[in-house]
Amino acid sequence: MTDFMQSEVVQSELEQIQECYTELLKMSSGLQEFNPKERLEHIEKTMELVAKQKVFYARLQLAANELQDDDSAKEIKQRIEMMSTEYSGGLNLTMVLDQMESKLREWRNQLREEGVDTAK
């Protein structure tokens, strides 16, 4: 039996997601007082996290659908789908992440229109 979660690639992706999330959490303290440049940096970091989550979820979907002997991937996918639909009003995780990404791009574009840039 193949175990999706034991794959080195999956473990590496999960580590990267956790590191990105931890960095974002640290950045978020004092969010209300952020200047426009700091807000843009926070948006960019959040978009990075969303992108990593989308890649991981796509890999999970493939493993759950294609690997007939990988029950762990199927079970994780089912749990994620159940939680996503329950907490989002019926949307699957891909739709939730797409909506988040769309809103983040909108905010990023607004800040850029105001002349904010992350270049140092």
C-alpha atoms as a PDB file:
ATOM      1  CA  MET A   1       0.000   0.000   0.000  1.00  0.00           C
ATOM      2  CA  THR A   2       1.311   3.417  -0.973  1.00  0.00           C
ATOM      3  CA  ASP A   3       1.104   6.066   1.731  1.00  0.00           C
ATOM      4  CA  PHE A   4       0.707   9.529   0.248  1.00  0.00           C
ATOM      5  CA  MET A   5       1.764  11.307   3.434  1.00  0.00           C
ATOM      6  CA  GLN A   6       5.068   9.407   3.678  1.00  0.00           C
ATOM      7  CA  SER A   7       6.319  10.600   0.296  1.00  0.00           C
ATOM      8  CA  GLU A   8       9.432  12.804   0.530  1.00  0.00           C
ATOM      9  CA  VAL A   9       7.896  15.268  -1.918  1.00  0.00           C
ATOM     10  CA  VAL A  10       4.702  15.529   0.127  1.00  0.00           C
ATOM     11  CA  GLN A  11       6.647  15.910   3.367  1.00  0.00           C
ATOM     12  CA  SER A  12       8.748  18.669   1.787  1.00  0.00           C
ATOM     13  CA  GLU A  13       5.635  20.465   0.513  1.00  0.00           C
ATOM     14  CA  LEU A  14       4.001  20.251   3.929  1.00  0.00           C
ATOM     15  CA  GLU A  15       7.144  21.684   5.550  1.00  0.00           C
ATOM     16  CA  GLN A  16       7.162  24.563   3.063  1.00  0.00           C
ATOM     17  CA  ILE A  17       3.472  25.258   3.713  1.00  0.00           C
ATOM     18  CA  GLN A  18       4.092  25.261   7.468  1.00  0.00           C
ATOM     19  CA  GLU A  19       7.123  27.573   7.141  1.00  0.00           C
ATOM     20  CA  CYS A  20       5.178  29.971   4.930  1.00  0.00           C
ATOM     21  CA  TYR A  21       2.228  29.921   7.315  1.00  0.00           C
ATOM     22  CA  THR A  22       4.517  30.565  10.305  1.00  0.00           C
ATOM     23  CA  GLU A  23       6.175  33.509   8.525  1.00  0.00           C
ATOM     24  CA  LEU A  24       2.755  34.894   7.656  1.00  0.00           C
ATOM     25  CA  LEU A  25       1.603  34.518  11.245  1.00  0.00           C
ATOM     26  CA  LYS A  26       4.650  36.452  12.471  1.00  0.00           C
ATOM     27  CA  MET A  27       4.046  39.147   9.870  1.00  0.00           C
ATOM     28  CA  SER A  28       0.411  39.465  10.930  1.00  0.00           C
ATOM     29  CA  SER A  29       1.029  40.848  14.391  1.00  0.00           C
ATOM     30  CA  GLY A  30       0.078  44.497  14.239  1.00  0.00           C
ATOM     31  CA  LEU A  31      -1.703  44.079  10.911  1.00  0.00           C
ATOM     32  CA  GLN A  32      -3.982  47.042  11.661  1.00  0.00           C
ATOM     33  CA  GLU A  33      -0.980  49.368  11.885  1.00  0.00           C
ATOM     34  CA  PHE A  34       0.691  48.190   8.675  1.00  0.00           C
ATOM     35  CA  ASN A  35       1.713  50.854   6.215  1.00  0.00           C
ATOM     36  CA  PRO A  36       0.755  50.251   2.559  1.00  0.00           C
ATOM     37  CA  LYS A  37       4.099  48.607   1.715  1.00  0.00           C
ATOM     38  CA  GLU A  38       3.769  46.195   4.646  1.00  0.00           C
ATOM     39  CA  ARG A  39       0.196  45.385   3.571  1.00  0.00           C
ATOM     40  CA  LEU A  40       1.425  44.592   0.075  1.00  0.00           C
ATOM     41  CA  GLU A  41       4.172  42.337   1.464  1.00  0.00           C
ATOM     42  CA  HIS A  42       1.551  40.556   3.599  1.00  0.00           C
ATOM     43  CA  ILE A  43      -0.676  40.069   0.551  1.00  0.00           C
ATOM     44  CA  GLU A  44       2.250  38.673  -1.457  1.00  0.00           C
ATOM     45  CA  LYS A  45       3.137  36.227   1.339  1.00  0.00           C
ATOM     46  CA  THR A  46      -0.506  35.143   1.619  1.00  0.00           C
ATOM     47  CA  MET A  47      -0.626  34.564  -2.134  1.00  0.00           C
ATOM     48  CA  GLU A  48       2.507  32.428  -1.814  1.00  0.00           C
ATOM     49  CA  LEU A  49       0.786  30.324   0.852  1.00  0.00           C
ATOM     50  CA  VAL A  50      -2.355  29.932  -1.265  1.00  0.00           C
ATOM     51  CA  ALA A  51      -0.247  28.826  -4.247  1.00  0.00           C
ATOM     52  CA  LYS A  52       1.516  26.199  -2.126  1.00  0.00           C
ATOM     53  CA  GLN A  53      -1.819  24.952  -0.801  1.00  0.00           C
ATOM     54  CA  LYS A  54      -3.220  24.681  -4.317  1.00  0.00           C
ATOM     55  CA  VAL A  55      -0.250  22.596  -5.479  1.00  0.00           C
ATOM     56  CA  PHE A  56      -0.533  20.314  -2.460  1.00  0.00           C
ATOM     57  CA  TYR A  57      -4.272  19.854  -2.921  1.00  0.00           C
ATOM     58  CA  ALA A  58      -3.850  19.108  -6.628  1.00  0.00           C
ATOM     59  CA  ARG A  59      -1.259  16.455  -5.752  1.00  0.00           C
ATOM     60  CA  LEU A  60      -3.625  15.033  -3.139  1.00  0.00           C
ATOM     61  CA  GLN A  61      -6.501  14.876  -5.625  1.00  0.00           C
ATOM     62  CA  LEU A  62      -4.339  13.047  -8.141  1.00  0.00           C
ATOM     63  CA  ALA A  63      -3.152  10.558  -5.544  1.00  0.00           C
ATOM     64  CA  ALA A  64      -6.678   9.961  -4.252  1.00  0.00           C
ATOM     65  CA  ASN A  65      -8.088   9.423  -7.740  1.00  0.00           C
ATOM     66  CA  GLU A  66      -5.202   7.652  -9.476  1.00  0.00           C
ATOM     67  CA  LEU A  67      -3.522   5.523  -6.840  1.00  0.00           C
ATOM     68  CA  GLN A  68      -5.951   2.706  -6.250  1.00  0.00           C
ATOM     69  CA  ASP A  69      -4.026   1.424  -3.258  1.00  0.00           C
ATOM     70  CA  ASP A  70      -3.575   4.729  -1.403  1.00  0.00           C
ATOM     71  CA  ASP A  71      -6.342   4.915   1.157  1.00  0.00           C
ATOM     72  CA  SER A  72      -4.557   7.657   3.132  1.00  0.00           C
ATOM     73  CA  ALA A  73      -4.845  10.136   0.248  1.00  0.00           C
ATOM     74  CA  LYS A  74      -8.506   9.282  -0.264  1.00  0.00           C
ATOM     75  CA  GLU A  75      -9.274   9.711   3.418  1.00  0.00           C
ATOM     76  CA  ILE A  76      -7.432  13.049   3.689  1.00  0.00           C
ATOM     77  CA  LYS A  77      -9.123  14.327   0.537  1.00  0.00           C
ATOM     78  CA  GLN A  78     -12.560  13.333   1.870  1.00  0.00           C
ATOM     79  CA  ARG A  79     -11.925  15.116   5.176  1.00  0.00           C
ATOM     80  CA  ILE A  80     -10.713  18.267   3.443  1.00  0.00           C
ATOM     81  CA  GLU A  81     -13.713  18.257   1.112  1.00  0.00           C
ATOM     82  CA  MET A  82     -16.118  17.750   4.017  1.00  0.00           C
ATOM     83  CA  MET A  83     -14.594  20.597   6.031  1.00  0.00           C
ATOM     84  CA  SER A  84     -14.380  22.911   3.014  1.00  0.00           C
ATOM     85  CA  THR A  85     -18.003  22.491   2.057  1.00  0.00           C
ATOM     86  CA  GLU A  86     -19.155  22.748   5.661  1.00  0.00           C
ATOM     87  CA  TYR A  87     -17.283  25.958   6.460  1.00  0.00           C
ATOM     88  CA  SER A  88     -17.602  27.673   3.072  1.00  0.00           C
ATOM     89  CA  GLY A  89     -21.267  27.165   2.416  1.00  0.00           C
ATOM     90  CA  GLY A  90     -20.811  24.388  -0.117  1.00  0.00           C
ATOM     91  CA  LEU A  91     -17.596  25.291  -1.948  1.00  0.00           C
ATOM     92  CA  ASN A  92     -14.783  22.822  -2.431  1.00  0.00           C
ATOM     93  CA  LEU A  93     -11.238  23.750  -1.405  1.00  0.00           C
ATOM     94  CA  THR A  94     -10.157  24.665  -4.933  1.00  0.00           C
ATOM     95  CA  MET A  95     -13.025  27.143  -5.196  1.00  0.00           C
ATOM     96  CA  VAL A  96     -12.219  28.611  -1.771  1.00  0.00           C
ATOM     97  CA  LEU A  97      -8.551  29.057  -2.658  1.00  0.00           C
ATOM     98  CA  ASP A  98      -9.454  30.561  -6.059  1.00  0.00           C
ATOM     99  CA  GLN A  99     -11.736  33.088  -4.350  1.00  0.00           C
ATOM    100  CA  MET A 100      -9.037  33.960  -1.836  1.00  0.00           C
ATOM    101  CA  GLU A 101      -6.485  34.404  -4.600  1.00  0.00           C
ATOM    102  CA  SER A 102      -8.869  36.604  -6.579  1.00  0.00           C
ATOM    103  CA  LYS A 103      -9.519  38.863  -3.582  1.00  0.00           C
ATOM    104  CA  LEU A 104      -5.801  39.077  -2.774  1.00  0.00           C
ATOM    105  CA  ARG A 105      -5.024  40.078  -6.366  1.00  0.00           C
ATOM    106  CA  GLU A 106      -7.724  42.735  -6.178  1.00  0.00           C
ATOM    107  CA  TRP A 107      -6.196  44.187  -2.998  1.00  0.00           C
ATOM    108  CA  ARG A 108      -2.681  43.956  -4.461  1.00  0.00           C
ATOM    109  CA  ASN A 109      -3.788  45.811  -7.596  1.00  0.00           C
ATOM    110  CA  GLN A 110      -5.442  48.523  -5.495  1.00  0.00           C
ATOM    111  CA  LEU A 111      -2.233  49.075  -3.556  1.00  0.00           C
ATOM    112  CA  ARG A 112      -0.148  49.107  -6.725  1.00  0.00           C
ATOM    113  CA  GLU A 113      -2.532  51.648  -8.274  1.00  0.00           C
ATOM    114  CA  GLU A 114      -1.841  53.798  -5.233  1.00  0.00           C
ATOM    115  CA  GLY A 115       1.860  53.564  -6.097  1.00  0.00           C
ATOM    116  CA  VAL A 116       2.856  51.013  -3.478  1.00  0.00           C
ATOM    117  CA  ASP A 117       5.698  48.684  -4.450  1.00  0.00           C
ATOM    118  CA  THR A 118       7.620  46.009  -2.531  1.00  0.00           C
ATOM    119  CA  ALA A 119      10.934  46.922  -4.180  1.00  0.00           C
ATOM    120  CA  LYS A 120      13.410  47.990  -1.564  1.00  0.00           C
END
